């Protein structure tokens, strides 16, 4: 099964705190929706840009895009 990393971008001086908070809600969503979540987390790209991400099955992408509206996605090998 192919995996996708879906990403939400947060910018500004509190971007890291917002990304961390968003990631908690992502975990809750995947439990409620009973969807496979391989990994979720946050990454600090710069002082003013952080991301929250989830790694999911490609087959779940359409459902997740409609519900959560990620900013972008990347194929995972």
PDB file of N, CA and C in Angstrom:
ATOM      1  N   UNK A   1       0.847  -1.184   0.000  1.00  0.00           N
ATOM      2  CA  UNK A   1       0.000   0.000   0.000  1.00  0.00           C
ATOM      3  C   UNK A   1       0.889   1.243   0.000  1.00  0.00           C
ATOM      4  N   UNK A   2       0.574   2.177  -0.893  1.00  0.00           N
ATOM      5  CA  UNK A   2       1.322   3.432  -0.939  1.00  0.00           C
ATOM      6  C   UNK A   2       0.871   4.325   0.199  1.00  0.00           C
ATOM      7  N   UNK A   3       1.828   5.107   0.710  1.00  0.00           N
ATOM      8  CA  UNK A   3       1.541   6.019   1.812  1.00  0.00           C
ATOM      9  C   UNK A   3       1.699   7.460   1.344  1.00  0.00           C
ATOM     10  N   UNK A   4       0.953   8.335   1.988  1.00  0.00           N
ATOM     11  CA  UNK A   4       0.961   9.765   1.694  1.00  0.00           C
ATOM     12  C   UNK A   4       1.217  10.530   2.995  1.00  0.00           C
ATOM     13  N   UNK A   5       2.060  11.536   2.916  1.00  0.00           N
ATOM     14  CA  UNK A   5       2.260  12.453   4.043  1.00  0.00           C
ATOM     15  C   UNK A   5       1.440  13.701   3.742  1.00  0.00           C
ATOM     16  N   UNK A   6       0.404  13.938   4.535  1.00  0.00           N
ATOM     17  CA  UNK A   6      -0.414  15.131   4.362  1.00  0.00           C
ATOM     18  C   UNK A   6       0.054  16.186   5.363  1.00  0.00           C
ATOM     19  N   UNK A   7       0.085  17.433   4.907  1.00  0.00           N
ATOM     20  CA  UNK A   7       0.781  18.490   5.645  1.00  0.00           C
ATOM     21  C   UNK A   7      -0.105  19.726   5.792  1.00  0.00           C
ATOM     22  N   UNK A   8      -0.073  20.296   6.984  1.00  0.00           N
ATOM     23  CA  UNK A   8      -0.713  21.577   7.281  1.00  0.00           C
ATOM     24  C   UNK A   8       0.388  22.554   7.673  1.00  0.00           C
ATOM     25  N   UNK A   9       0.431  23.696   7.008  1.00  0.00           N
ATOM     26  CA  UNK A   9       1.445  24.724   7.278  1.00  0.00           C
ATOM     27  C   UNK A   9       0.904  25.761   8.259  1.00  0.00           C
ATOM     28  N   UNK A  10       1.743  26.168   9.183  1.00  0.00           N
ATOM     29  CA  UNK A  10       1.418  27.224  10.136  1.00  0.00           C
ATOM     30  C   UNK A  10       2.575  28.212  10.153  1.00  0.00           C
ATOM     31  N   UNK A  11       2.239  29.484  10.086  1.00  0.00           N
ATOM     32  CA  UNK A  11       3.269  30.521  10.023  1.00  0.00           C
ATOM     33  C   UNK A  11       3.024  31.572  11.101  1.00  0.00           C
ATOM     34  N   UNK A  12       4.109  32.168  11.535  1.00  0.00           N
ATOM     35  CA  UNK A  12       4.027  33.227  12.528  1.00  0.00           C
ATOM     36  C   UNK A  12       4.796  32.862  13.783  1.00  0.00           C
ATOM     37  N   UNK A  13       4.842  33.790  14.737  1.00  0.00           N
ATOM     38  CA  UNK A  13       5.650  33.571  15.946  1.00  0.00           C
ATOM     39  C   UNK A  13       5.141  32.440  16.847  1.00  0.00           C
ATOM     40  N   UNK A  14       3.874  32.047  16.733  1.00  0.00           N
ATOM     41  CA  UNK A  14       3.341  30.957  17.565  1.00  0.00           C
ATOM     42  C   UNK A  14       3.034  29.718  16.714  1.00  0.00           C
ATOM     43  N   UNK A  15       3.651  29.628  15.550  1.00  0.00           N
ATOM     44  CA  UNK A  15       3.359  28.516  14.636  1.00  0.00           C
ATOM     45  C   UNK A  15       3.649  27.146  15.242  1.00  0.00           C
ATOM     46  N   UNK A  16       4.680  27.044  16.070  1.00  0.00           N
ATOM     47  CA  UNK A  16       5.011  25.747  16.658  1.00  0.00           C
ATOM     48  C   UNK A  16       3.919  25.291  17.622  1.00  0.00           C
ATOM     49  N   UNK A  17       3.433  26.174  18.458  1.00  0.00           N
ATOM     50  CA  UNK A  17       2.366  25.813  19.400  1.00  0.00           C
ATOM     51  C   UNK A  17       1.081  25.441  18.658  1.00  0.00           C
ATOM     52  N   UNK A  18       0.771  26.161  17.597  1.00  0.00           N
ATOM     53  CA  UNK A  18      -0.433  25.864  16.825  1.00  0.00           C
ATOM     54  C   UNK A  18      -0.305  24.500  16.148  1.00  0.00           C
ATOM     55  N   UNK A  19       0.876  24.214  15.577  1.00  0.00           N
ATOM     56  CA  UNK A  19       1.098  22.921  14.922  1.00  0.00           C
ATOM     57  C   UNK A  19       0.971  21.774  15.929  1.00  0.00           C
ATOM     58  N   UNK A  20       1.539  21.946  17.116  1.00  0.00           N
ATOM     59  CA  UNK A  20       1.450  20.908  18.147  1.00  0.00           C
ATOM     60  C   UNK A  20      -0.003  20.680  18.562  1.00  0.00           C
ATOM     61  N   UNK A  21      -0.760  21.747  18.705  1.00  0.00           N
ATOM     62  CA  UNK A  21      -2.171  21.624  19.076  1.00  0.00           C
ATOM     63  C   UNK A  21      -2.965  20.940  17.957  1.00  0.00           C
ATOM     64  N   UNK A  22      -2.698  21.323  16.731  1.00  0.00           N
ATOM     65  CA  UNK A  22      -3.387  20.729  15.580  1.00  0.00           C
ATOM     66  C   UNK A  22      -3.102  19.225  15.498  1.00  0.00           C
ATOM     67  N   UNK A  23      -1.874  18.841  15.764  1.00  0.00           N
ATOM     68  CA  UNK A  23      -1.491  17.427  15.684  1.00  0.00           C
ATOM     69  C   UNK A  23      -2.265  16.582  16.697  1.00  0.00           C
ATOM     70  N   UNK A  24      -2.552  17.117  17.850  1.00  0.00           N
ATOM     71  CA  UNK A  24      -3.367  16.396  18.836  1.00  0.00           C
ATOM     72  C   UNK A  24      -4.765  16.121  18.280  1.00  0.00           C
ATOM     73  N   UNK A  25      -5.331  17.118  17.612  1.00  0.00           N
ATOM     74  CA  UNK A  25      -6.655  16.938  17.011  1.00  0.00           C
ATOM     75  C   UNK A  25      -6.615  15.939  15.851  1.00  0.00           C
ATOM     76  N   UNK A  26      -5.508  15.897  15.130  1.00  0.00           N
ATOM     77  CA  UNK A  26      -5.375  14.909  14.055  1.00  0.00           C
ATOM     78  C   UNK A  26      -5.455  13.494  14.614  1.00  0.00           C
ATOM     79  N   UNK A  27      -4.743  13.239  15.702  1.00  0.00           N
ATOM     80  CA  UNK A  27      -4.778  11.914  16.321  1.00  0.00           C
ATOM     81  C   UNK A  27      -6.198  11.551  16.743  1.00  0.00           C
ATOM     82  N   UNK A  28      -6.904  12.495  17.336  1.00  0.00           N
ATOM     83  CA  UNK A  28      -8.290  12.250  17.746  1.00  0.00           C
ATOM     84  C   UNK A  28      -9.170  11.924  16.538  1.00  0.00           C
ATOM     85  N   UNK A  29      -9.008  12.679  15.455  1.00  0.00           N
ATOM     86  CA  UNK A  29      -9.798  12.464  14.244  1.00  0.00           C
ATOM     87  C   UNK A  29      -9.623  11.053  13.715  1.00  0.00           C
ATOM     88  N   UNK A  30      -8.382  10.581  13.626  1.00  0.00           N
ATOM     89  CA  UNK A  30      -8.141   9.254  13.070  1.00  0.00           C
ATOM     90  C   UNK A  30      -8.724   8.152  13.953  1.00  0.00           C
ATOM     91  N   UNK A  31      -8.749   8.351  15.246  1.00  0.00           N
ATOM     92  CA  UNK A  31      -9.401   7.378  16.130  1.00  0.00           C
ATOM     93  C   UNK A  31     -10.909   7.371  15.908  1.00  0.00           C
ATOM     94  N   UNK A  32     -11.502   8.549  15.850  1.00  0.00           N
ATOM     95  CA  UNK A  32     -12.954   8.658  15.674  1.00  0.00           C
ATOM     96  C   UNK A  32     -13.384   8.088  14.330  1.00  0.00           C
ATOM     97  N   UNK A  33     -12.636   8.410  13.279  1.00  0.00           N
ATOM     98  CA  UNK A  33     -12.976   7.968  11.925  1.00  0.00           C
ATOM     99  C   UNK A  33     -12.552   6.521  11.645  1.00  0.00           C
ATOM    100  N   UNK A  34     -11.817   5.924  12.563  1.00  0.00           N
ATOM    101  CA  UNK A  34     -11.321   4.557  12.418  1.00  0.00           C
ATOM    102  C   UNK A  34     -10.496   4.388  11.132  1.00  0.00           C
ATOM    103  N   UNK A  35      -9.591   5.354  10.914  1.00  0.00           N
ATOM    104  CA  UNK A  35      -8.696   5.330   9.757  1.00  0.00           C
ATOM    105  C   UNK A  35      -7.279   5.044  10.241  1.00  0.00           C
ATOM    106  N   UNK A  36      -6.513   4.351   9.405  1.00  0.00           N
ATOM    107  CA  UNK A  36      -5.143   3.992   9.737  1.00  0.00           C
ATOM    108  C   UNK A  36      -4.259   5.235   9.724  1.00  0.00           C
ATOM    109  N   UNK A  37      -3.563   5.485  10.825  1.00  0.00           N
ATOM    110  CA  UNK A  37      -2.606   6.575  10.956  1.00  0.00           C
ATOM    111  C   UNK A  37      -1.256   5.946  11.263  1.00  0.00           C
ATOM    112  N   UNK A  38      -0.331   6.026  10.317  1.00  0.00           N
ATOM    113  CA  UNK A  38       0.991   5.436  10.521  1.00  0.00           C
ATOM    114  C   UNK A  38       1.845   6.287  11.440  1.00  0.00           C
ATOM    115  N   UNK A  39       1.727   7.596  11.273  1.00  0.00           N
ATOM    116  CA  UNK A  39       2.555   8.504  12.066  1.00  0.00           C
ATOM    117  C   UNK A  39       1.953   9.895  11.973  1.00  0.00           C
ATOM    118  N   UNK A  40       2.100  10.659  13.031  1.00  0.00           N
ATOM    119  CA  UNK A  40       1.757  12.078  12.973  1.00  0.00           C
ATOM    120  C   UNK A  40       2.775  12.810  13.823  1.00  0.00           C
ATOM    121  N   UNK A  41       2.925  14.087  13.553  1.00  0.00           N
ATOM    122  CA  UNK A  41       3.903  14.856  14.304  1.00  0.00           C
ATOM    123  C   UNK A  41       3.961  16.284  13.824  1.00  0.00           C
ATOM    124  N   UNK A  42       4.995  16.985  14.292  1.00  0.00           N
ATOM    125  CA  UNK A  42       5.230  18.364  13.894  1.00  0.00           C
ATOM    126  C   UNK A  42       6.693  18.511  13.506  1.00  0.00           C
ATOM    127  N   UNK A  43       6.979  19.497  12.677  1.00  0.00           N
ATOM    128  CA  UNK A  43       8.348  19.820  12.300  1.00  0.00           C
ATOM    129  C   UNK A  43       8.487  21.330  12.273  1.00  0.00           C
ATOM    130  N   UNK A  44       9.578  21.814  12.820  1.00  0.00           N
ATOM    131  CA  UNK A  44       9.874  23.245  12.785  1.00  0.00           C
ATOM    132  C   UNK A  44      10.789  23.482  11.589  1.00  0.00           C
ATOM    133  N   UNK A  45      10.291  24.189  10.578  1.00  0.00           N
ATOM    134  CA  UNK A  45      11.070  24.441   9.373  1.00  0.00           C
ATOM    135  C   UNK A  45      11.915  25.699   9.520  1.00  0.00           C
ATOM    136  N   UNK A  46      11.333  26.749  10.087  1.00  0.00           N
ATOM    137  CA  UNK A  46      12.061  27.980  10.430  1.00  0.00           C
ATOM    138  C   UNK A  46      11.443  28.522  11.711  1.00  0.00           C
ATOM    139  N   UNK A  47      11.961  29.634  12.184  1.00  0.00           N
ATOM    140  CA  UNK A  47      11.398  30.260  13.382  1.00  0.00           C
ATOM    141  C   UNK A  47       9.937  30.663  13.182  1.00  0.00           C
ATOM    142  N   UNK A  48       9.562  30.897  11.935  1.00  0.00           N
ATOM    143  CA  UNK A  48       8.222  31.400  11.640  1.00  0.00           C
ATOM    144  C   UNK A  48       7.376  30.435  10.804  1.00  0.00           C
ATOM    145  N   UNK A  49       7.828  29.187  10.655  1.00  0.00           N
ATOM    146  CA  UNK A  49       7.088  28.222   9.821  1.00  0.00           C
ATOM    147  C   UNK A  49       7.229  26.823  10.411  1.00  0.00           C
ATOM    148  N   UNK A  50       6.109  26.279  10.853  1.00  0.00           N
ATOM    149  CA  UNK A  50       6.061  24.912  11.372  1.00  0.00           C
ATOM    150  C   UNK A  50       4.948  24.163  10.655  1.00  0.00           C
ATOM    151  N   UNK A  51       5.067  22.844  10.651  1.00  0.00           N
ATOM    152  CA  UNK A  51       4.035  22.019  10.030  1.00  0.00           C
ATOM    153  C   UNK A  51       3.533  20.969  11.013  1.00  0.00           C
ATOM    154  N   UNK A  52       2.307  20.553  10.790  1.00  0.00           N
ATOM    155  CA  UNK A  52       1.761  19.340  11.405  1.00  0.00           C
ATOM    156  C   UNK A  52       1.549  18.386  10.243  1.00  0.00           C
ATOM    157  N   UNK A  53       1.786  17.098  10.478  1.00  0.00           N
ATOM    158  CA  UNK A  53       1.643  16.135   9.391  1.00  0.00           C
ATOM    159  C   UNK A  53       1.065  14.825   9.890  1.00  0.00           C
ATOM    160  N   UNK A  54       0.519  14.078   8.940  1.00  0.00           N
ATOM    161  CA  UNK A  54       0.033  12.722   9.191  1.00  0.00           C
ATOM    162  C   UNK A  54       0.432  11.861   8.006  1.00  0.00           C
ATOM    163  N   UNK A  55       0.841  10.638   8.289  1.00  0.00           N
ATOM    164  CA  UNK A  55       1.155   9.682   7.232  1.00  0.00           C
ATOM    165  C   UNK A  55       0.031   8.657   7.199  1.00  0.00           C
ATOM    166  N   UNK A  56      -0.590   8.545   6.009  1.00  0.00           N
ATOM    167  CA  UNK A  56      -1.798   7.737   5.844  1.00  0.00           C
ATOM    168  C   UNK A  56      -1.681   6.848   4.610  1.00  0.00           C
ATOM    169  N   UNK A  57      -2.616   5.913   4.462  1.00  0.00           N
ATOM    170  CA  UNK A  57      -2.722   5.125   3.232  1.00  0.00           C
ATOM    171  C   UNK A  57      -3.241   6.014   2.114  1.00  0.00           C
ATOM    172  N   UNK A  58      -2.696   5.835   0.928  1.00  0.00           N
ATOM    173  CA  UNK A  58      -3.138   6.619  -0.217  1.00  0.00           C
ATOM    174  C   UNK A  58      -4.633   6.425  -0.479  1.00  0.00           C
ATOM    175  N   UNK A  59      -5.140   5.244  -0.196  1.00  0.00           N
ATOM    176  CA  UNK A  59      -6.562   4.959  -0.431  1.00  0.00           C
ATOM    177  C   UNK A  59      -7.489   5.814   0.437  1.00  0.00           C
ATOM    178  N   UNK A  60      -6.986   6.366   1.541  1.00  0.00           N
ATOM    179  CA  UNK A  60      -7.790   7.218   2.424  1.00  0.00           C
ATOM    180  C   UNK A  60      -7.687   8.700   2.073  1.00  0.00           C
ATOM    181  N   UNK A  61      -6.871   9.044   1.095  1.00  0.00           N
ATOM    182  CA  UNK A  61      -6.578  10.446   0.815  1.00  0.00           C
ATOM    183  C   UNK A  61      -7.818  11.265   0.480  1.00  0.00           C
ATOM    184  N   UNK A  62      -8.676  10.785  -0.388  1.00  0.00           N
ATOM    185  CA  UNK A  62      -9.851  11.572  -0.783  1.00  0.00           C
ATOM    186  C   UNK A  62     -10.742  11.892   0.419  1.00  0.00           C
ATOM    187  N   UNK A  63     -10.988  10.908   1.256  1.00  0.00           N
ATOM    188  CA  UNK A  63     -11.816  11.110   2.455  1.00  0.00           C
ATOM    189  C   UNK A  63     -11.169  12.149   3.377  1.00  0.00           C
ATOM    190  N   UNK A  64      -9.879  12.031   3.594  1.00  0.00           N
ATOM    191  CA  UNK A  64      -9.165  12.929   4.501  1.00  0.00           C
ATOM    192  C   UNK A  64      -9.117  14.350   3.924  1.00  0.00           C
ATOM    193  N   UNK A  65      -8.874  14.471   2.628  1.00  0.00           N
ATOM    194  CA  UNK A  65      -8.817  15.802   2.003  1.00  0.00           C
ATOM    195  C   UNK A  65     -10.127  16.556   2.170  1.00  0.00           C
ATOM    196  N   UNK A  66     -11.230  15.869   2.007  1.00  0.00           N
ATOM    197  CA  UNK A  66     -12.537  16.512   2.139  1.00  0.00           C
ATOM    198  C   UNK A  66     -12.779  16.963   3.578  1.00  0.00           C
ATOM    199  N   UNK A  67     -12.444  16.118   4.525  1.00  0.00           N
ATOM    200  CA  UNK A  67     -12.729  16.405   5.934  1.00  0.00           C
ATOM    201  C   UNK A  67     -11.752  17.408   6.558  1.00  0.00           C
ATOM    202  N   UNK A  68     -10.438  17.254   6.265  1.00  0.00           N
ATOM    203  CA  UNK A  68      -9.421  18.015   6.998  1.00  0.00           C
ATOM    204  C   UNK A  68      -8.721  19.109   6.201  1.00  0.00           C
ATOM    205  N   UNK A  69      -8.857  19.112   4.902  1.00  0.00           N
ATOM    206  CA  UNK A  69      -8.306  20.152   4.031  1.00  0.00           C
ATOM    207  C   UNK A  69      -6.823  20.461   4.289  1.00  0.00           C
ATOM    208  N   UNK A  70      -5.946  19.478   4.085  1.00  0.00           N
ATOM    209  CA  UNK A  70      -4.507  19.749   4.240  1.00  0.00           C
ATOM    210  C   UNK A  70      -4.026  20.743   3.185  1.00  0.00           C
ATOM    211  N   UNK A  71      -2.914  21.411   3.464  1.00  0.00           N
ATOM    212  CA  UNK A  71      -2.348  22.375   2.522  1.00  0.00           C
ATOM    213  C   UNK A  71      -1.640  21.684   1.356  1.00  0.00           C
ATOM    214  N   UNK A  72      -1.030  20.533   1.632  1.00  0.00           N
ATOM    215  CA  UNK A  72      -0.276  19.830   0.584  1.00  0.00           C
ATOM    216  C   UNK A  72      -0.049  18.389   1.016  1.00  0.00           C
ATOM    217  N   UNK A  73       0.530  17.619   0.087  1.00  0.00           N
ATOM    218  CA  UNK A  73       0.798  16.207   0.363  1.00  0.00           C
ATOM    219  C   UNK A  73       2.043  15.763  -0.404  1.00  0.00           C
ATOM    220  N   UNK A  74       2.667  14.689   0.109  1.00  0.00           N
ATOM    221  CA  UNK A  74       3.846  14.103  -0.525  1.00  0.00           C
ATOM    222  C   UNK A  74       3.711  12.597  -0.513  1.00  0.00           C
ATOM    223  N   UNK A  75       4.129  11.960  -1.617  1.00  0.00           N
ATOM    224  CA  UNK A  75       4.185  10.496  -1.643  1.00  0.00           C
ATOM    225  C   UNK A  75       5.340  10.029  -0.755  1.00  0.00           C
ATOM    226  N   UNK A  76       5.114   8.981  -0.009  1.00  0.00           N
ATOM    227  CA  UNK A  76       6.150   8.362   0.825  1.00  0.00           C
ATOM    228  C   UNK A  76       6.521   7.039   0.194  1.00  0.00           C
ATOM    229  N   UNK A  77       7.796   6.784   0.033  1.00  0.00           N
ATOM    230  CA  UNK A  77       8.236   5.488  -0.555  1.00  0.00           C
ATOM    231  C   UNK A  77       8.344   4.430   0.506  1.00  0.00           C
TER     232      UNK A  77
END
